[in-house]
């Protein structure tokens, strides 16, 4: 592997880690990501279905837990059968 390729690989991995930290995304909730070298942008698709883009040093608003995980921690549904959970 050439030195340029190593630098490129580490650059996109570092930018992905920086983006995950900025948006509050744990790596296990990243479904897909892509690095665009010409613009220096990383695009992340979360398990919750949110698609975000990030450039180094960009100020962003962290995602809520539903956008990241796709799971509502406190669903407000009636039970289908049986008693309601208390």
Protein backbone atom coordinates (compact mmCIF):
# COMPACT_ATOMS: atom_id res chain seq x y z
CA UNK A 1 0.00 0.00 0.00
CA UNK A 2 1.40 3.39 -0.98
CA UNK A 3 1.93 6.18 1.55
CA UNK A 4 -0.78 8.28 -0.14
CA UNK A 5 -3.32 5.49 0.34
CA UNK A 6 -2.40 5.12 4.02
CA UNK A 7 -2.83 8.87 4.53
CA UNK A 8 -6.17 8.79 2.72
CA UNK A 9 -7.44 5.86 4.75
CA UNK A 10 -6.48 7.43 8.06
CA UNK A 11 -7.91 10.80 7.01
CA UNK A 12 -11.38 9.41 6.29
CA UNK A 13 -11.35 7.27 9.46
CA UNK A 14 -10.35 10.30 11.55
CA UNK A 15 -13.05 12.46 9.94
CA UNK A 16 -15.66 9.73 10.52
CA UNK A 17 -14.66 9.54 14.20
CA UNK A 18 -14.84 13.34 14.49
CA UNK A 19 -18.29 13.38 12.86
CA UNK A 20 -19.59 10.62 15.13
CA UNK A 21 -18.38 12.53 18.17
CA UNK A 22 -19.93 15.80 16.94
CA UNK A 23 -23.33 14.24 16.21
CA UNK A 24 -23.29 11.92 19.25
CA UNK A 25 -23.38 8.72 17.21
CA UNK A 26 -21.88 5.50 18.60
CA UNK A 27 -20.04 3.48 15.92
CA UNK A 28 -22.42 0.54 16.32
CA UNK A 29 -25.27 2.75 15.02
CA UNK A 30 -23.49 3.73 11.78
CA UNK A 31 -25.17 1.77 9.01
CA UNK A 32 -23.12 3.25 6.20
CA UNK A 33 -20.64 6.06 5.58
CA UNK A 34 -18.89 7.56 2.61
CA UNK A 35 -15.92 9.92 2.36
CA UNK A 36 -15.73 12.48 -0.45
CA UNK A 37 -12.08 13.40 -0.82
CA UNK A 38 -12.65 16.29 -3.25
CA UNK A 39 -14.79 18.22 -0.72
CA UNK A 40 -13.41 16.72 2.50
CA UNK A 41 -16.90 15.66 3.54
CA UNK A 42 -18.10 12.49 5.23
CA UNK A 43 -21.73 11.38 4.92
CA UNK A 44 -23.19 9.07 7.58
CA UNK A 45 -26.38 7.02 7.49
CA UNK A 46 -27.52 5.92 10.95
CA UNK A 47 -29.55 2.86 11.95
CA UNK A 48 -32.35 5.29 12.83
CA UNK A 49 -32.48 6.48 9.20
CA UNK A 50 -30.83 9.87 9.61
CA UNK A 51 -28.44 10.98 6.88
CA UNK A 52 -25.95 13.66 7.92
CA UNK A 53 -22.89 15.21 6.32
CA UNK A 54 -19.88 16.65 8.11
CA UNK A 55 -16.74 18.61 7.26
CA UNK A 56 -13.81 18.96 9.64
CA UNK A 57 -14.36 21.62 12.28
CA UNK A 58 -18.03 22.10 11.43
CA UNK A 59 -20.38 23.02 14.31
CA UNK A 60 -23.43 20.73 14.35
CA UNK A 61 -26.40 19.99 16.57
CA UNK A 62 -26.21 16.46 18.07
CA UNK A 63 -28.89 14.01 16.94
CA UNK A 64 -31.53 12.73 19.35
CA UNK A 65 -31.48 9.07 20.36
CA UNK A 66 -34.38 8.09 18.08
CA UNK A 67 -32.56 9.49 15.02
CA UNK A 68 -29.46 7.52 15.91
CA UNK A 69 -30.84 4.17 17.12
CA UNK A 70 -34.30 4.09 15.54
CA UNK A 71 -35.76 3.00 18.90
CA UNK A 72 -38.09 5.18 20.96
CA UNK A 73 -36.99 4.75 24.59
CA UNK A 74 -40.48 5.59 25.86
CA UNK A 75 -43.12 4.50 23.34
CA UNK A 76 -46.61 5.81 24.02
CA UNK A 77 -48.71 2.93 22.68
CA UNK A 78 -51.55 0.99 24.12
CA UNK A 79 -50.91 -2.70 24.59
CA UNK A 80 -52.38 -4.96 21.92
CA UNK A 81 -53.50 -7.51 24.49
CA UNK A 82 -53.34 -7.80 28.26
CA UNK A 83 -52.73 -5.17 30.89
CA UNK A 84 -50.88 -1.95 30.28
CA UNK A 85 -47.34 -1.88 31.61
CA UNK A 86 -46.90 0.22 34.70
